Amino acid sequence: MVNLYLTINEASEYLSMPESYIKNLIHQKRIRAVHDGEQFLIYKEQFNEFTKQLENYKKQLAEFQNEPIPEDIDVKDED
């Protein structure tokens, strides 16, 4: 059976973020979670779009970092 909900601990491991940060995101309502009386349960699928965007940003950053620096057209070799 596929687990659709994560505890804060599981979400922390899944996202590679500290538990305290996950808790703060929940309290700021940046992560949707349900409290079952004992713990917060976080719907795992809400992170799919986040992880897709994060991978896209990483790809764009790598492309930007690998792009050669163009020569400055104002630079003249004058002695």
PDB file of N, CA and C in Angstrom:
ATOM      1  N   MET A   1       0.841  -1.184   0.000  1.00  0.00           N
ATOM      2  CA  MET A   1       0.000   0.000   0.000  1.00  0.00           C
ATOM      3  C   MET A   1       0.887   1.248   0.000  1.00  0.00           C
ATOM      4  N   VAL A   2       0.569   2.177  -0.859  1.00  0.00           N
ATOM      5  CA  VAL A   2       1.324   3.417  -0.976  1.00  0.00           C
ATOM      6  C   VAL A   2       0.847   4.382   0.107  1.00  0.00           C
ATOM      7  N   ASN A   3       1.797   4.949   0.828  1.00  0.00           N
ATOM      8  CA  ASN A   3       1.460   5.896   1.879  1.00  0.00           C
ATOM      9  C   ASN A   3       1.282   7.278   1.267  1.00  0.00           C
ATOM     10  N   LEU A   4       0.058   7.810   1.332  1.00  0.00           N
ATOM     11  CA  LEU A   4      -0.229   9.108   0.754  1.00  0.00           C
ATOM     12  C   LEU A   4       0.076  10.249   1.707  1.00  0.00           C
ATOM     13  N   TYR A   5       0.154   9.946   2.992  1.00  0.00           N
ATOM     14  CA  TYR A   5       0.395  10.979   3.998  1.00  0.00           C
ATOM     15  C   TYR A   5       1.714  10.735   4.704  1.00  0.00           C
ATOM     16  N   LEU A   6       2.375  11.816   5.059  1.00  0.00           N
ATOM     17  CA  LEU A   6       3.655  11.754   5.748  1.00  0.00           C
ATOM     18  C   LEU A   6       3.531  12.425   7.112  1.00  0.00           C
ATOM     19  N   THR A   7       4.257  11.893   8.079  1.00  0.00           N
ATOM     20  CA  THR A   7       4.389  12.597   9.347  1.00  0.00           C
ATOM     21  C   THR A   7       5.416  13.709   9.145  1.00  0.00           C
ATOM     22  N   ILE A   8       5.586  14.564  10.139  1.00  0.00           N
ATOM     23  CA  ILE A   8       6.585  15.623  10.027  1.00  0.00           C
ATOM     24  C   ILE A   8       7.971  15.015   9.860  1.00  0.00           C
ATOM     25  N   ASN A   9       8.252  13.958  10.606  1.00  0.00           N
ATOM     26  CA  ASN A   9       9.549  13.283  10.503  1.00  0.00           C
ATOM     27  C   ASN A   9       9.767  12.734   9.098  1.00  0.00           C
ATOM     28  N   GLU A  10       8.758  12.055   8.543  1.00  0.00           N
ATOM     29  CA  GLU A  10       8.873  11.490   7.196  1.00  0.00           C
ATOM     30  C   GLU A  10       9.011  12.591   6.138  1.00  0.00           C
ATOM     31  N   ALA A  11       8.253  13.689   6.305  1.00  0.00           N
ATOM     32  CA  ALA A  11       8.352  14.809   5.365  1.00  0.00           C
ATOM     33  C   ALA A  11       9.735  15.433   5.438  1.00  0.00           C
ATOM     34  N   SER A  12      10.283  15.516   6.631  1.00  0.00           N
ATOM     35  CA  SER A  12      11.626  16.057   6.821  1.00  0.00           C
ATOM     36  C   SER A  12      12.652  15.230   6.047  1.00  0.00           C
ATOM     37  N   GLU A  13      12.551  13.920   6.148  1.00  0.00           N
ATOM     38  CA  GLU A  13      13.465  13.037   5.412  1.00  0.00           C
ATOM     39  C   GLU A  13      13.210  13.116   3.910  1.00  0.00           C
ATOM     40  N   TYR A  14      11.952  13.135   3.514  1.00  0.00           N
ATOM     41  CA  TYR A  14      11.574  13.155   2.105  1.00  0.00           C
ATOM     42  C   TYR A  14      12.079  14.424   1.410  1.00  0.00           C
ATOM     43  N   LEU A  15      12.011  15.563   2.124  1.00  0.00           N
ATOM     44  CA  LEU A  15      12.404  16.847   1.546  1.00  0.00           C
ATOM     45  C   LEU A  15      13.830  17.251   1.898  1.00  0.00           C
ATOM     46  N   SER A  16      14.476  16.457   2.728  1.00  0.00           N
ATOM     47  CA  SER A  16      15.835  16.772   3.207  1.00  0.00           C
ATOM     48  C   SER A  16      15.884  18.147   3.869  1.00  0.00           C
ATOM     49  N   MET A  17      14.929  18.370   4.761  1.00  0.00           N
ATOM     50  CA  MET A  17      14.835  19.623   5.499  1.00  0.00           C
ATOM     51  C   MET A  17      14.651  19.293   6.976  1.00  0.00           C
ATOM     52  N   PRO A  18      15.069  20.190   7.852  1.00  0.00           N
ATOM     53  CA  PRO A  18      14.881  19.939   9.288  1.00  0.00           C
ATOM     54  C   PRO A  18      13.407  19.913   9.687  1.00  0.00           C
ATOM     55  N   GLU A  19      13.093  19.110  10.697  1.00  0.00           N
ATOM     56  CA  GLU A  19      11.711  19.009  11.168  1.00  0.00           C
ATOM     57  C   GLU A  19      11.176  20.367  11.616  1.00  0.00           C
ATOM     58  N   SER A  20      12.020  21.161  12.269  1.00  0.00           N
ATOM     59  CA  SER A  20      11.575  22.471  12.755  1.00  0.00           C
ATOM     60  C   SER A  20      11.142  23.363  11.587  1.00  0.00           C
ATOM     61  N   TYR A  21      11.831  23.248  10.452  1.00  0.00           N
ATOM     62  CA  TYR A  21      11.468  24.030   9.277  1.00  0.00           C
ATOM     63  C   TYR A  21      10.123  23.569   8.716  1.00  0.00           C
ATOM     64  N   ILE A  22       9.905  22.257   8.691  1.00  0.00           N
ATOM     65  CA  ILE A  22       8.630  21.706   8.214  1.00  0.00           C
ATOM     66  C   ILE A  22       7.501  22.200   9.119  1.00  0.00           C
ATOM     67  N   LYS A  23       7.715  22.176  10.436  1.00  0.00           N
ATOM     68  CA  LYS A  23       6.697  22.657  11.381  1.00  0.00           C
ATOM     69  C   LYS A  23       6.385  24.123  11.128  1.00  0.00           C
ATOM     70  N   ASN A  24       7.411  24.922  10.913  1.00  0.00           N
ATOM     71  CA  ASN A  24       7.191  26.345  10.631  1.00  0.00           C
ATOM     72  C   ASN A  24       6.384  26.542   9.354  1.00  0.00           C
ATOM     73  N   LEU A  25       6.673  25.768   8.333  1.00  0.00           N
ATOM     74  CA  LEU A  25       5.928  25.870   7.072  1.00  0.00           C
ATOM     75  C   LEU A  25       4.462  25.506   7.267  1.00  0.00           C
ATOM     76  N   ILE A  26       4.214  24.525   8.122  1.00  0.00           N
ATOM     77  CA  ILE A  26       2.829  24.134   8.421  1.00  0.00           C
ATOM     78  C   ILE A  26       2.119  25.276   9.142  1.00  0.00           C
ATOM     79  N   HIS A  27       2.756  25.840  10.157  1.00  0.00           N
ATOM     80  CA  HIS A  27       2.129  26.932  10.925  1.00  0.00           C
ATOM     81  C   HIS A  27       1.948  28.188  10.077  1.00  0.00           C
ATOM     82  N   GLN A  28       2.811  28.394   9.089  1.00  0.00           N
ATOM     83  CA  GLN A  28       2.674  29.525   8.174  1.00  0.00           C
ATOM     84  C   GLN A  28       1.676  29.234   7.061  1.00  0.00           C
ATOM     85  N   LYS A  29       1.135  28.008   7.072  1.00  0.00           N
ATOM     86  CA  LYS A  29       0.173  27.527   6.065  1.00  0.00           C
ATOM     87  C   LYS A  29       0.772  27.486   4.664  1.00  0.00           C
ATOM     88  N   ARG A  30       2.082  27.253   4.609  1.00  0.00           N
ATOM     89  CA  ARG A  30       2.735  27.094   3.313  1.00  0.00           C
ATOM     90  C   ARG A  30       2.749  25.630   2.907  1.00  0.00           C
ATOM     91  N   ILE A  31       2.534  24.744   3.874  1.00  0.00           N
ATOM     92  CA  ILE A  31       2.343  23.312   3.630  1.00  0.00           C
ATOM     93  C   ILE A  31       0.991  22.953   4.221  1.00  0.00           C
ATOM     94  N   ARG A  32       0.169  22.282   3.422  1.00  0.00           N
ATOM     95  CA  ARG A  32      -1.134  21.841   3.914  1.00  0.00           C
ATOM     96  C   ARG A  32      -0.955  20.570   4.730  1.00  0.00           C
ATOM     97  N   ALA A  33      -1.560  20.547   5.910  1.00  0.00           N
ATOM     98  CA  ALA A  33      -1.464  19.383   6.778  1.00  0.00           C
ATOM     99  C   ALA A  33      -2.761  19.228   7.565  1.00  0.00           C
ATOM    100  N   VAL A  34      -3.009  18.003   8.001  1.00  0.00           N
ATOM    101  CA  VAL A  34      -4.177  17.677   8.813  1.00  0.00           C
ATOM    102  C   VAL A  34      -3.661  17.203  10.162  1.00  0.00           C
ATOM    103  N   HIS A  35      -4.286  17.682  11.225  1.00  0.00           N
ATOM    104  CA  HIS A  35      -3.905  17.230  12.563  1.00  0.00           C
ATOM    105  C   HIS A  35      -4.913  16.172  12.993  1.00  0.00           C
ATOM    106  N   ASP A  36      -4.434  14.975  13.307  1.00  0.00           N
ATOM    107  CA  ASP A  36      -5.333  13.876  13.662  1.00  0.00           C
ATOM    108  C   ASP A  36      -5.547  13.752  15.173  1.00  0.00           C
ATOM    109  N   GLY A  37      -5.151  14.762  15.920  1.00  0.00           N
ATOM    110  CA  GLY A  37      -5.288  14.720  17.367  1.00  0.00           C
ATOM    111  C   GLY A  37      -3.973  14.416  18.056  1.00  0.00           C
ATOM    112  N   GLU A  38      -3.083  13.740  17.348  1.00  0.00           N
ATOM    113  CA  GLU A  38      -1.783  13.395  17.908  1.00  0.00           C
ATOM    114  C   GLU A  38      -0.628  13.985  17.107  1.00  0.00           C
ATOM    115  N   GLN A  39      -0.792  14.018  15.806  1.00  0.00           N
ATOM    116  CA  GLN A  39       0.303  14.455  14.938  1.00  0.00           C
ATOM    117  C   GLN A  39      -0.249  15.095  13.678  1.00  0.00           C
ATOM    118  N   PHE A  40       0.613  15.823  12.992  1.00  0.00           N
ATOM    119  CA  PHE A  40       0.248  16.383  11.703  1.00  0.00           C
ATOM    120  C   PHE A  40       0.495  15.345  10.624  1.00  0.00           C
ATOM    121  N   LEU A  41      -0.426  15.248   9.693  1.00  0.00           N
ATOM    122  CA  LEU A  41      -0.266  14.380   8.536  1.00  0.00           C
ATOM    123  C   LEU A  41      -0.257  15.270   7.297  1.00  0.00           C
ATOM    124  N   ILE A  42       0.746  15.071   6.481  1.00  0.00           N
ATOM    125  CA  ILE A  42       0.983  15.929   5.327  1.00  0.00           C
ATOM    126  C   ILE A  42       0.758  15.117   4.059  1.00  0.00           C
ATOM    127  N   TYR A  43      -0.092  15.644   3.182  1.00  0.00           N
ATOM    128  CA  TYR A  43      -0.383  14.971   1.917  1.00  0.00           C
ATOM    129  C   TYR A  43       0.853  15.036   1.030  1.00  0.00           C
ATOM    130  N   LYS A  44       1.389  13.897   0.696  1.00  0.00           N
ATOM    131  CA  LYS A  44       2.672  13.792  -0.017  1.00  0.00           C
ATOM    132  C   LYS A  44       2.632  14.389  -1.419  1.00  0.00           C
ATOM    133  N   GLU A  45       1.522  14.255  -2.114  1.00  0.00           N
ATOM    134  CA  GLU A  45       1.437  14.676  -3.514  1.00  0.00           C
ATOM    135  C   GLU A  45       1.594  16.179  -3.704  1.00  0.00           C
ATOM    136  N   GLN A  46       1.379  16.969  -2.642  1.00  0.00           N
ATOM    137  CA  GLN A  46       1.504  18.422  -2.789  1.00  0.00           C
ATOM    138  C   GLN A  46       2.936  18.831  -3.086  1.00  0.00           C
ATOM    139  N   PHE A  47       3.887  17.928  -2.860  1.00  0.00           N
ATOM    140  CA  PHE A  47       5.289  18.256  -3.093  1.00  0.00           C
ATOM    141  C   PHE A  47       5.745  17.947  -4.519  1.00  0.00           C
ATOM    142  N   ASN A  48       4.923  17.289  -5.306  1.00  0.00           N
ATOM    143  CA  ASN A  48       5.320  16.956  -6.676  1.00  0.00           C
ATOM    144  C   ASN A  48       5.636  18.199  -7.495  1.00  0.00           C
ATOM    145  N   GLU A  49       4.755  19.174  -7.458  1.00  0.00           N
ATOM    146  CA  GLU A  49       4.983  20.412  -8.217  1.00  0.00           C
ATOM    147  C   GLU A  49       6.198  21.147  -7.667  1.00  0.00           C
ATOM    148  N   PHE A  50       6.324  21.165  -6.340  1.00  0.00           N
ATOM    149  CA  PHE A  50       7.476  21.809  -5.700  1.00  0.00           C
ATOM    150  C   PHE A  50       8.779  21.158  -6.159  1.00  0.00           C
ATOM    151  N   THR A  51       8.833  19.836  -6.163  1.00  0.00           N
ATOM    152  CA  THR A  51      10.075  19.168  -6.557  1.00  0.00           C
ATOM    153  C   THR A  51      10.355  19.349  -8.042  1.00  0.00           C
ATOM    154  N   LYS A  52       9.310  19.400  -8.863  1.00  0.00           N
ATOM    155  CA  LYS A  52       9.508  19.662 -10.295  1.00  0.00           C
ATOM    156  C   LYS A  52      10.097  21.055 -10.501  1.00  0.00           C
ATOM    157  N   GLN A  53       9.558  22.041  -9.797  1.00  0.00           N
ATOM    158  CA  GLN A  53      10.062  23.405  -9.920  1.00  0.00           C
ATOM    159  C   GLN A  53      11.495  23.500  -9.408  1.00  0.00           C
ATOM    160  N   LEU A  54      11.778  22.811  -8.310  1.00  0.00           N
ATOM    161  CA  LEU A  54      13.123  22.833  -7.743  1.00  0.00           C
ATOM    162  C   LEU A  54      14.129  22.229  -8.720  1.00  0.00           C
ATOM    163  N   GLU A  55      13.774  21.123  -9.352  1.00  0.00           N
ATOM    164  CA  GLU A  55      14.666  20.506 -10.338  1.00  0.00           C
ATOM    165  C   GLU A  55      14.861  21.429 -11.544  1.00  0.00           C
ATOM    166  N   ASN A  56      13.795  22.114 -11.952  1.00  0.00           N
ATOM    167  CA  ASN A  56      13.891  23.053 -13.067  1.00  0.00           C
ATOM    168  C   ASN A  56      14.826  24.211 -12.722  1.00  0.00           C
ATOM    169  N   TYR A  57      14.702  24.737 -11.490  1.00  0.00           N
ATOM    170  CA  TYR A  57      15.584  25.822 -11.057  1.00  0.00           C
ATOM    171  C   TYR A  57      17.031  25.360 -11.003  1.00  0.00           C
ATOM    172  N   LYS A  58      17.253  24.142 -10.521  1.00  0.00           N
ATOM    173  CA  LYS A  58      18.617  23.608 -10.459  1.00  0.00           C
ATOM    174  C   LYS A  58      19.202  23.482 -11.871  1.00  0.00           C
ATOM    175  N   LYS A  59      18.389  23.035 -12.813  1.00  0.00           N
ATOM    176  CA  LYS A  59      18.830  22.889 -14.194  1.00  0.00           C
ATOM    177  C   LYS A  59      19.170  24.257 -14.795  1.00  0.00           C
ATOM    178  N   GLN A  60      18.293  25.242 -14.566  1.00  0.00           N
ATOM    179  CA  GLN A  60      18.537  26.585 -15.090  1.00  0.00           C
ATOM    180  C   GLN A  60      19.792  27.193 -14.479  1.00  0.00           C
ATOM    181  N   LEU A  61      20.001  26.975 -13.190  1.00  0.00           N
ATOM    182  CA  LEU A  61      21.184  27.505 -12.526  1.00  0.00           C
ATOM    183  C   LEU A  61      22.452  26.874 -13.088  1.00  0.00           C
ATOM    184  N   ALA A  62      22.416  25.554 -13.320  1.00  0.00           N
ATOM    185  CA  ALA A  62      23.582  24.868 -13.887  1.00  0.00           C
ATOM    186  C   ALA A  62      23.878  25.394 -15.288  1.00  0.00           C
ATOM    187  N   GLU A  63      22.845  25.611 -16.096  1.00  0.00           N
ATOM    188  CA  GLU A  63      23.036  26.152 -17.443  1.00  0.00           C
ATOM    189  C   GLU A  63      23.627  27.556 -17.375  1.00  0.00           C
ATOM    190  N   PHE A  64      23.133  28.373 -16.443  1.00  0.00           N
ATOM    191  CA  PHE A  64      23.625  29.733 -16.285  1.00  0.00           C
ATOM    192  C   PHE A  64      25.095  29.729 -15.855  1.00  0.00           C
ATOM    193  N   GLN A  65      25.434  28.852 -14.918  1.00  0.00           N
ATOM    194  CA  GLN A  65      26.802  28.788 -14.426  1.00  0.00           C
ATOM    195  C   GLN A  65      27.770  28.269 -15.486  1.00  0.00           C
ATOM    196  N   ASN A  66      27.300  27.458 -16.404  1.00  0.00           N
ATOM    197  CA  ASN A  66      28.156  26.902 -17.449  1.00  0.00           C
ATOM    198  C   ASN A  66      28.238  27.783 -18.691  1.00  0.00           C
ATOM    199  N   GLU A  67      27.439  28.837 -18.727  1.00  0.00           N
ATOM    200  CA  GLU A  67      27.435  29.732 -19.879  1.00  0.00           C
ATOM    201  C   GLU A  67      28.696  30.606 -19.837  1.00  0.00           C
ATOM    202  N   PRO A  68      29.413  30.690 -20.941  1.00  0.00           N
ATOM    203  CA  PRO A  68      30.626  31.510 -20.937  1.00  0.00           C
ATOM    204  C   PRO A  68      30.302  32.995 -20.798  1.00  0.00           C
ATOM    205  N   ILE A  69      31.200  33.708 -20.174  1.00  0.00           N
ATOM    206  CA  ILE A  69      31.029  35.146 -19.993  1.00  0.00           C
ATOM    207  C   ILE A  69      31.392  35.829 -21.311  1.00  0.00           C
ATOM    208  N   PRO A  70      30.470  36.611 -21.861  1.00  0.00           N
ATOM    209  CA  PRO A  70      30.771  37.272 -23.138  1.00  0.00           C
ATOM    210  C   PRO A  70      31.820  38.368 -22.933  1.00  0.00           C
ATOM    211  N   GLU A  71      32.574  38.600 -23.985  1.00  0.00           N
ATOM    212  CA  GLU A  71      33.558  39.674 -23.928  1.00  0.00           C
ATOM    213  C   GLU A  71      32.831  40.998 -23.889  1.00  0.00           C
ATOM    214  N   ASP A  72      33.380  41.928 -23.129  1.00  0.00           N
ATOM    215  CA  ASP A  72      32.797  43.254 -23.030  1.00  0.00           C
ATOM    216  C   ASP A  72      33.129  44.006 -24.305  1.00  0.00           C
ATOM    217  N   ILE A  73      32.119  44.503 -24.995  1.00  0.00           N
ATOM    218  CA  ILE A  73      32.349  45.168 -26.279  1.00  0.00           C
ATOM    219  C   ILE A  73      33.035  46.525 -26.097  1.00  0.00           C
ATOM    220  N   ASP A  74      33.005  47.060 -24.870  1.00  0.00           N
ATOM    221  CA  ASP A  74      33.612  48.362 -24.608  1.00  0.00           C
ATOM    222  C   ASP A  74      35.120  48.267 -24.312  1.00  0.00           C
ATOM    223  N   VAL A  75      35.590  47.059 -24.116  1.00  0.00           N
ATOM    224  CA  VAL A  75      37.003  46.887 -23.763  1.00  0.00           C
ATOM    225  C   VAL A  75      37.832  47.016 -25.033  1.00  0.00           C
ATOM    226  N   LYS A  76      38.808  47.925 -25.001  1.00  0.00           N
ATOM    227  CA  LYS A  76      39.661  48.124 -26.166  1.00  0.00           C
ATOM    228  C   LYS A  76      41.106  47.933 -25.729  1.00  0.00           C
ATOM    229  N   ASP A  77      41.852  47.354 -26.564  1.00  0.00           N
ATOM    230  CA  ASP A  77      43.272  47.118 -26.256  1.00  0.00           C
ATOM    231  C   ASP A  77      44.073  48.315 -26.730  1.00  0.00           C
ATOM    232  N   GLU A  78      44.083  49.336 -25.876  1.00  0.00           N
ATOM    233  CA  GLU A  78      44.802  50.545 -26.220  1.00  0.00           C
ATOM    234  C   GLU A  78      46.011  50.689 -25.295  1.00  0.00           C
ATOM    235  N   ASP A  79      47.119  51.016 -25.843  1.00  0.00           N
ATOM    236  CA  ASP A  79      48.317  51.218 -25.020  1.00  0.00           C
ATOM    237  C   ASP A  79      48.657  52.666 -24.945  1.00  0.00           C
TER     238      ASP A  79
END
